PDB file of all heavy atoms in Angstrom:
ATOM      1  N   TYR A   1     154.551  36.898 139.163  1.00  0.00           N
ATOM      2  CA  TYR A   1     154.436  37.647 140.423  1.00  0.00           C
ATOM      3  C   TYR A   1     154.393  39.155 140.224  1.00  0.00           C
ATOM      4  O   TYR A   1     153.676  39.848 140.919  1.00  0.00           O
ATOM      5  CB  TYR A   1     155.575  37.263 141.374  1.00  0.00           C
ATOM      6  CG  TYR A   1     155.336  37.669 142.819  1.00  0.00           C
ATOM      7  CD1 TYR A   1     154.161  37.299 143.472  1.00  0.00           C
ATOM      8  CD2 TYR A   1     156.273  38.407 143.512  1.00  0.00           C
ATOM      9  CE1 TYR A   1     153.931  37.662 144.796  1.00  0.00           C
ATOM     10  CE2 TYR A   1     156.062  38.779 144.840  1.00  0.00           C
ATOM     11  CZ  TYR A   1     154.883  38.400 145.479  1.00  0.00           C
ATOM     12  OH  TYR A   1     154.661  38.758 146.781  1.00  0.00           O
ATOM     13  N   TYR A   2     155.171  39.707 139.276  1.00  0.00           N
ATOM     14  CA  TYR A   2     155.159  41.150 139.049  1.00  0.00           C
ATOM     15  C   TYR A   2     154.333  41.529 137.825  1.00  0.00           C
ATOM     16  O   TYR A   2     154.338  42.691 137.420  1.00  0.00           O
ATOM     17  CB  TYR A   2     156.588  41.682 138.911  1.00  0.00           C
ATOM     18  CG  TYR A   2     157.343  41.618 140.208  1.00  0.00           C
ATOM     19  CD1 TYR A   2     158.142  40.520 140.518  1.00  0.00           C
ATOM     20  CD2 TYR A   2     157.223  42.621 141.159  1.00  0.00           C
ATOM     21  CE1 TYR A   2     158.810  40.439 141.721  1.00  0.00           C
ATOM     22  CE2 TYR A   2     157.888  42.546 142.375  1.00  0.00           C
ATOM     23  CZ  TYR A   2     158.684  41.452 142.648  1.00  0.00           C
ATOM     24  OH  TYR A   2     159.335  41.366 143.856  1.00  0.00           O
ATOM     25  N   ASP A   3     153.615  40.590 137.226  1.00  0.00           N
ATOM     26  CA  ASP A   3     152.739  40.912 136.107  1.00  0.00           C
ATOM     27  C   ASP A   3     151.592  41.780 136.610  1.00  0.00           C
ATOM     28  O   ASP A   3     150.926  41.440 137.581  1.00  0.00           O
ATOM     29  CB  ASP A   3     152.210  39.633 135.452  1.00  0.00           C
ATOM     30  CG  ASP A   3     151.728  38.597 136.453  1.00  0.00           C
ATOM     31  OD1 ASP A   3     152.552  38.113 137.244  1.00  0.00           O
ATOM     32  OD2 ASP A   3     150.515  38.294 136.456  1.00  0.00           O
ATOM     33  N   ALA A   4     151.391  42.913 135.930  1.00  0.00           N
ATOM     34  CA  ALA A   4     150.464  43.946 136.415  1.00  0.00           C
ATOM     35  C   ALA A   4     150.812  44.323 137.852  1.00  0.00           C
ATOM     36  O   ALA A   4     149.956  44.705 138.641  1.00  0.00           O
ATOM     37  CB  ALA A   4     149.012  43.485 136.311  1.00  0.00           C
ATOM     38  N   GLY A   5     152.096  44.210 138.186  1.00  0.00           N
ATOM     39  CA  GLY A   5     152.537  44.500 139.539  1.00  0.00           C
ATOM     40  C   GLY A   5     153.912  45.123 139.620  1.00  0.00           C
ATOM     41  O   GLY A   5     154.464  45.268 140.714  1.00  0.00           O
ATOM     42  N   TYR A   6     154.483  45.514 138.469  1.00  0.00           N
ATOM     43  CA  TYR A   6     155.805  46.127 138.528  1.00  0.00           C
ATOM     44  C   TYR A   6     155.743  47.475 139.252  1.00  0.00           C
ATOM     45  O   TYR A   6     156.748  47.940 139.789  1.00  0.00           O
ATOM     46  CB  TYR A   6     156.394  46.298 137.128  1.00  0.00           C
ATOM     47  CG  TYR A   6     157.859  46.676 137.155  1.00  0.00           C
ATOM     48  CD1 TYR A   6     158.839  45.717 137.410  1.00  0.00           C
ATOM     49  CD2 TYR A   6     158.264  47.993 136.961  1.00  0.00           C
ATOM     50  CE1 TYR A   6     160.177  46.055 137.467  1.00  0.00           C
ATOM     51  CE2 TYR A   6     159.610  48.344 137.017  1.00  0.00           C
ATOM     52  CZ  TYR A   6     160.557  47.370 137.270  1.00  0.00           C
ATOM     53  OH  TYR A   6     161.890  47.722 137.338  1.00  0.00           O
ATOM     54  N   TYR A   7     154.560  48.076 139.269  1.00  0.00           N
ATOM     55  CA  TYR A   7     154.386  49.322 140.017  1.00  0.00           C
ATOM     56  C   TYR A   7     154.832  49.152 141.467  1.00  0.00           C
ATOM     57  O   TYR A   7     155.110  50.144 142.174  1.00  0.00           O
ATOM     58  CB  TYR A   7     152.908  49.760 139.995  1.00  0.00           C
ATOM     59  CG  TYR A   7     152.054  48.987 140.967  1.00  0.00           C
ATOM     60  CD1 TYR A   7     151.923  49.398 142.282  1.00  0.00           C
ATOM     61  CD2 TYR A   7     151.417  47.805 140.581  1.00  0.00           C
ATOM     62  CE1 TYR A   7     151.171  48.676 143.194  1.00  0.00           C
ATOM     63  CE2 TYR A   7     150.671  47.082 141.473  1.00  0.00           C
ATOM     64  CZ  TYR A   7     150.545  47.512 142.792  1.00  0.00           C
ATOM     65  OH  TYR A   7     149.822  46.782 143.682  1.00  0.00           O
ATOM     66  N   ALA A   8     154.912  47.890 141.928  1.00  0.00           N
ATOM     67  CA  ALA A   8     155.268  47.616 143.320  1.00  0.00           C
ATOM     68  C   ALA A   8     156.591  48.258 143.703  1.00  0.00           C
ATOM     69  O   ALA A   8     156.759  48.720 144.841  1.00  0.00           O
ATOM     70  CB  ALA A   8     155.338  46.105 143.550  1.00  0.00           C
ATOM     71  N   TYR A   9     157.538  48.299 142.771  1.00  0.00           N
ATOM     72  CA  TYR A   9     158.841  48.869 143.098  1.00  0.00           C
ATOM     73  C   TYR A   9     158.739  50.375 143.363  1.00  0.00           C
ATOM     74  O   TYR A   9     159.476  50.918 144.192  1.00  0.00           O
ATOM     75  CB  TYR A   9     159.841  48.583 141.982  1.00  0.00           C
ATOM     76  CG  TYR A   9     160.313  47.152 141.990  1.00  0.00           C
ATOM     77  CD1 TYR A   9     159.804  46.217 141.091  1.00  0.00           C
ATOM     78  CD2 TYR A   9     161.250  46.718 142.916  1.00  0.00           C
ATOM     79  CE1 TYR A   9     160.224  44.906 141.114  1.00  0.00           C
ATOM     80  CE2 TYR A   9     161.675  45.402 142.953  1.00  0.00           C
ATOM     81  CZ  TYR A   9     161.162  44.492 142.046  1.00  0.00           C
ATOM     82  OH  TYR A   9     161.572  43.189 142.086  1.00  0.00           O
ATOM     83  N   VAL A  10     157.863  51.048 142.648  1.00  0.00           N
ATOM     84  CA  VAL A  10     157.673  52.491 142.845  1.00  0.00           C
ATOM     85  C   VAL A  10     156.841  52.739 144.105  1.00  0.00           C
ATOM     86  O   VAL A  10     157.214  53.528 144.985  1.00  0.00           O
ATOM     87  CB  VAL A  10     157.001  53.120 141.614  1.00  0.00           C
ATOM     88  CG1 VAL A  10     156.844  54.619 141.805  1.00  0.00           C
ATOM     89  CG2 VAL A  10     157.783  52.813 140.346  1.00  0.00           C
ATOM     90  N   TRP A  11     155.716  52.068 144.190  1.00  0.00           N
ATOM     91  CA  TRP A  11     154.791  52.244 145.324  1.00  0.00           C
ATOM     92  C   TRP A  11     155.490  51.902 146.638  1.00  0.00           C
ATOM     93  O   TRP A  11     155.380  52.638 147.628  1.00  0.00           O
ATOM     94  CB  TRP A  11     153.578  51.346 145.105  1.00  0.00           C
ATOM     95  CG  TRP A  11     152.444  51.531 146.057  1.00  0.00           C
ATOM     96  CD1 TRP A  11     151.383  52.393 145.932  1.00  0.00           C
ATOM     97  CD2 TRP A  11     152.228  50.828 147.295  1.00  0.00           C
ATOM     98  NE1 TRP A  11     150.538  52.261 147.004  1.00  0.00           N
ATOM     99  CE2 TRP A  11     151.022  51.318 147.854  1.00  0.00           C
ATOM    100  CE3 TRP A  11     152.939  49.844 147.971  1.00  0.00           C
ATOM    101  CZ2 TRP A  11     150.515  50.833 149.056  1.00  0.00           C
ATOM    102  CZ3 TRP A  11     152.442  49.365 149.186  1.00  0.00           C
ATOM    103  CH2 TRP A  11     151.239  49.854 149.712  1.00  0.00           C
ATOM    104  N   SER A  12     156.224  50.795 146.643  1.00  0.00           N
ATOM    105  CA  SER A  12     156.894  50.375 147.879  1.00  0.00           C
ATOM    106  C   SER A  12     158.034  51.318 148.245  1.00  0.00           C
ATOM    107  O   SER A  12     158.301  51.545 149.431  1.00  0.00           O
ATOM    108  CB  SER A  12     157.421  48.946 147.733  1.00  0.00           C
ATOM    109  OG  SER A  12     158.385  48.862 146.701  1.00  0.00           O
ATOM    110  N   ASP A  13     158.702  51.878 147.242  1.00  0.00           N
ATOM    111  CA  ASP A  13     159.784  52.816 147.526  1.00  0.00           C
ATOM    112  C   ASP A  13     159.234  54.076 148.195  1.00  0.00           C
ATOM    113  O   ASP A  13     159.806  54.582 149.178  1.00  0.00           O
ATOM    114  CB  ASP A  13     160.510  53.182 146.229  1.00  0.00           C
ATOM    115  CG  ASP A  13     161.946  53.615 146.476  1.00  0.00           C
ATOM    116  OD1 ASP A  13     162.511  53.265 147.525  1.00  0.00           O
ATOM    117  OD2 ASP A  13     162.513  54.296 145.603  1.00  0.00           O
ATOM    118  N   VAL A  14     158.141  54.578 147.686  1.00  0.00           N
ATOM    119  CA  VAL A  14     157.506  55.754 148.294  1.00  0.00           C
ATOM    120  C   VAL A  14     157.175  55.478 149.761  1.00  0.00           C
ATOM    121  O   VAL A  14     157.452  56.302 150.650  1.00  0.00           O
ATOM    122  CB  VAL A  14     156.232  56.142 147.513  1.00  0.00           C
ATOM    123  CG1 VAL A  14     155.406  57.168 148.284  1.00  0.00           C
ATOM    124  CG2 VAL A  14     156.594  56.681 146.125  1.00  0.00           C
ATOM    125  N   HIS A  15     156.607  54.311 150.040  1.00  0.00           N
ATOM    126  CA  HIS A  15     156.200  54.001 151.408  1.00  0.00           C
ATOM    127  C   HIS A  15     157.390  53.629 152.292  1.00  0.00           C
ATOM    128  O   HIS A  15     157.343  53.848 153.511  1.00  0.00           O
ATOM    129  CB  HIS A  15     155.146  52.896 151.396  1.00  0.00           C
ATOM    130  CG  HIS A  15     153.823  53.361 150.862  1.00  0.00           C
ATOM    131  ND1 HIS A  15     153.537  53.379 149.520  1.00  0.00           N
ATOM    132  CD2 HIS A  15     152.732  53.870 151.485  1.00  0.00           C
ATOM    133  CE1 HIS A  15     152.318  53.863 149.336  1.00  0.00           C
ATOM    134  NE2 HIS A  15     151.813  54.169 150.501  1.00  0.00           N
ATOM    135  N   ALA A  16     158.454  53.095 151.691  1.00  0.00           N
ATOM    136  CA  ALA A  16     159.661  52.804 152.476  1.00  0.00           C
ATOM    137  C   ALA A  16     160.289  54.097 152.996  1.00  0.00           C
ATOM    138  O   ALA A  16     160.743  54.164 154.149  1.00  0.00           O
ATOM    139  CB  ALA A  16     160.670  52.035 151.625  1.00  0.00           C
ATOM    140  N   PHE A  17     160.331  55.142 152.166  1.00  0.00           N
ATOM    141  CA  PHE A  17     160.813  56.439 152.615  1.00  0.00           C
ATOM    142  C   PHE A  17     159.997  56.933 153.809  1.00  0.00           C
ATOM    143  O   PHE A  17     160.542  57.474 154.779  1.00  0.00           O
ATOM    144  CB  PHE A  17     160.723  57.467 151.480  1.00  0.00           C
ATOM    145  CG  PHE A  17     161.930  57.526 150.589  1.00  0.00           C
ATOM    146  CD1 PHE A  17     162.057  56.669 149.514  1.00  0.00           C
ATOM    147  CD2 PHE A  17     162.937  58.445 150.828  1.00  0.00           C
ATOM    148  CE1 PHE A  17     163.156  56.719 148.676  1.00  0.00           C
ATOM    149  CE2 PHE A  17     164.049  58.510 149.999  1.00  0.00           C
ATOM    150  CZ  PHE A  17     164.168  57.639 148.916  1.00  0.00           C
ATOM    151  N   ASP A  18     158.685  56.746 153.728  1.00  0.00           N
ATOM    152  CA  ASP A  18     157.799  57.208 154.793  1.00  0.00           C
ATOM    153  C   ASP A  18     158.080  56.451 156.091  1.00  0.00           C
ATOM    154  O   ASP A  18     158.220  57.054 157.164  1.00  0.00           O
ATOM    155  CB  ASP A  18     156.349  57.017 154.354  1.00  0.00           C
ATOM    156  CG  ASP A  18     155.362  57.833 155.182  1.00  0.00           C
ATOM    157  OD1 ASP A  18     155.797  58.775 155.865  1.00  0.00           O
ATOM    158  OD2 ASP A  18     154.154  57.543 155.127  1.00  0.00           O
ATOM    159  N   LEU A  19     158.202  55.125 156.022  1.00  0.00           N
ATOM    160  CA  LEU A  19     158.483  54.326 157.212  1.00  0.00           C
ATOM    161  C   LEU A  19     159.850  54.678 157.789  1.00  0.00           C
ATOM    162  O   LEU A  19     160.014  54.782 159.013  1.00  0.00           O
ATOM    163  CB  LEU A  19     158.428  52.834 156.873  1.00  0.00           C
ATOM    164  CG  LEU A  19     157.075  52.275 156.420  1.00  0.00           C
ATOM    165  CD1 LEU A  19     157.218  50.813 156.034  1.00  0.00           C
ATOM    166  CD2 LEU A  19     156.015  52.435 157.495  1.00  0.00           C
ATOM    167  N   PHE A  20     160.822  54.883 156.921  1.00  0.00           N
ATOM    168  CA  PHE A  20     162.183  55.161 157.387  1.00  0.00           C
ATOM    169  C   PHE A  20     162.268  56.510 158.090  1.00  0.00           C
ATOM    170  O   PHE A  20     163.143  56.723 158.942  1.00  0.00           O
ATOM    171  CB  PHE A  20     163.146  55.119 156.199  1.00  0.00           C
ATOM    172  CG  PHE A  20     164.599  55.134 156.589  1.00  0.00           C
ATOM    173  CD1 PHE A  20     165.148  54.081 157.305  1.00  0.00           C
ATOM    174  CD2 PHE A  20     165.416  56.200 156.237  1.00  0.00           C
ATOM    175  CE1 PHE A  20     166.498  54.082 157.666  1.00  0.00           C
ATOM    176  CE2 PHE A  20     166.755  56.220 156.591  1.00  0.00           C
ATOM    177  CZ  PHE A  20     167.304  55.158 157.304  1.00  0.00           C
ATOM    178  N   SER A  21     161.347  57.403 157.762  1.00  0.00           N
ATOM    179  CA  SER A  21     161.377  58.727 158.385  1.00  0.00           C
ATOM    180  C   SER A  21     161.251  58.624 159.904  1.00  0.00           C
ATOM    181  O   SER A  21     161.782  59.464 160.638  1.00  0.00           O
ATOM    182  CB  SER A  21     160.264  59.622 157.819  1.00  0.00           C
ATOM    183  OG  SER A  21     158.972  59.136 158.179  1.00  0.00           O
ATOM    184  N   ARG A  22     160.579  57.586 160.397  1.00  0.00           N
ATOM    185  CA  ARG A  22     160.461  57.435 161.852  1.00  0.00           C
ATOM    186  C   ARG A  22     161.800  57.011 162.451  1.00  0.00           C
ATOM    187  O   ARG A  22     162.155  57.450 163.549  1.00  0.00           O
ATOM    188  CB  ARG A  22     159.368  56.415 162.191  1.00  0.00           C
ATOM    189  CG  ARG A  22     159.170  56.252 163.687  1.00  0.00           C
ATOM    190  CD  ARG A  22     157.918  55.506 164.072  1.00  0.00           C
ATOM    191  NE  ARG A  22     157.916  55.224 165.505  1.00  0.00           N
ATOM    192  CZ  ARG A  22     156.993  54.518 166.134  1.00  0.00           C
ATOM    193  NH1 ARG A  22     155.950  54.059 165.459  1.00  0.00           N
ATOM    194  NH2 ARG A  22     157.082  54.290 167.427  1.00  0.00           N
ATOM    195  N   PHE A  23     162.572  56.182 161.731  1.00  0.00           N
ATOM    196  CA  PHE A  23     163.917  55.837 162.205  1.00  0.00           C
ATOM    197  C   PHE A  23     164.825  57.065 162.160  1.00  0.00           C
ATOM    198  O   PHE A  23     165.648  57.271 163.057  1.00  0.00           O
ATOM    199  CB  PHE A  23     164.508  54.712 161.351  1.00  0.00           C
ATOM    200  CG  PHE A  23     163.957  53.355 161.665  1.00  0.00           C
ATOM    201  CD1 PHE A  23     162.938  52.812 160.910  1.00  0.00           C
ATOM    202  CD2 PHE A  23     164.457  52.614 162.731  1.00  0.00           C
ATOM    203  CE1 PHE A  23     162.418  51.558 161.195  1.00  0.00           C
ATOM    204  CE2 PHE A  23     163.950  51.363 163.029  1.00  0.00           C
ATOM    205  CZ  PHE A  23     162.931  50.834 162.262  1.00  0.00           C
ATOM    206  N   GLN A  24     164.687  57.878 161.111  1.00  0.00           N
ATOM    207  CA  GLN A  24     165.497  59.092 161.034  1.00  0.00           C
ATOM    208  C   GLN A  24     165.208  60.027 162.197  1.00  0.00           C
ATOM    209  O   GLN A  24     166.109  60.692 162.712  1.00  0.00           O
ATOM    210  CB  GLN A  24     165.229  59.808 159.712  1.00  0.00           C
ATOM    211  CG  GLN A  24     165.783  59.073 158.489  1.00  0.00           C
ATOM    212  CD  GLN A  24     165.401  59.746 157.193  1.00  0.00           C
ATOM    213  OE1 GLN A  24     164.214  59.962 156.928  1.00  0.00           O
ATOM    214  NE2 GLN A  24     166.398  60.086 156.378  1.00  0.00           N
ATOM    215  N   ALA A  25     163.960  60.060 162.615  1.00  0.00           N
ATOM    216  CA  ALA A  25     163.585  60.937 163.726  1.00  0.00           C
ATOM    217  C   ALA A  25     164.053  60.397 165.072  1.00  0.00           C
ATOM    218  O   ALA A  25     164.466  61.164 165.958  1.00  0.00           O
ATOM    219  CB  ALA A  25     162.070  61.133 163.734  1.00  0.00           C
ATOM    220  N   ASN A  26     164.040  59.064 165.237  1.00  0.00           N
ATOM    221  CA  ASN A  26     164.303  58.462 166.547  1.00  0.00           C
ATOM    222  C   ASN A  26     165.682  57.835 166.679  1.00  0.00           C
ATOM    223  O   ASN A  26     166.097  57.480 167.786  1.00  0.00           O
ATOM    224  CB  ASN A  26     163.251  57.393 166.858  1.00  0.00           C
ATOM    225  CG  ASN A  26     161.850  57.952 166.917  1.00  0.00           C
ATOM    226  OD1 ASN A  26     161.662  59.138 167.179  1.00  0.00           O
ATOM    227  ND2 ASN A  26     160.858  57.117 166.669  1.00  0.00           N
ATOM    228  N   GLY A  27     166.380  57.662 165.556  1.00  0.00           N
ATOM    229  CA  GLY A  27     167.678  56.979 165.579  1.00  0.00           C
ATOM    230  C   GLY A  27     167.630  55.739 164.712  1.00  0.00           C
ATOM    231  O   GLY A  27     166.687  54.940 164.815  1.00  0.00           O
ATOM    232  N   LEU A  28     168.662  55.565 163.867  1.00  0.00           N
ATOM    233  CA  LEU A  28     168.618  54.481 162.883  1.00  0.00           C
ATOM    234  C   LEU A  28     168.668  53.099 163.514  1.00  0.00           C
ATOM    235  O   LEU A  28     168.299  52.116 162.869  1.00  0.00           O
ATOM    236  CB  LEU A  28     169.781  54.625 161.889  1.00  0.00           C
ATOM    237  CG  LEU A  28     169.804  55.891 161.029  1.00  0.00           C
ATOM    238  CD1 LEU A  28     170.819  55.731 159.905  1.00  0.00           C
ATOM    239  CD2 LEU A  28     168.424  56.200 160.452  1.00  0.00           C
TER     240      LEU A  28
END
């Protein structure tokens, strides 16, 4: 599942920060 896909942890972390920014702006 993560073969040629370990980058997923980095890529998804970057995008999770971005998504969470809307909760930070509006309330957790």
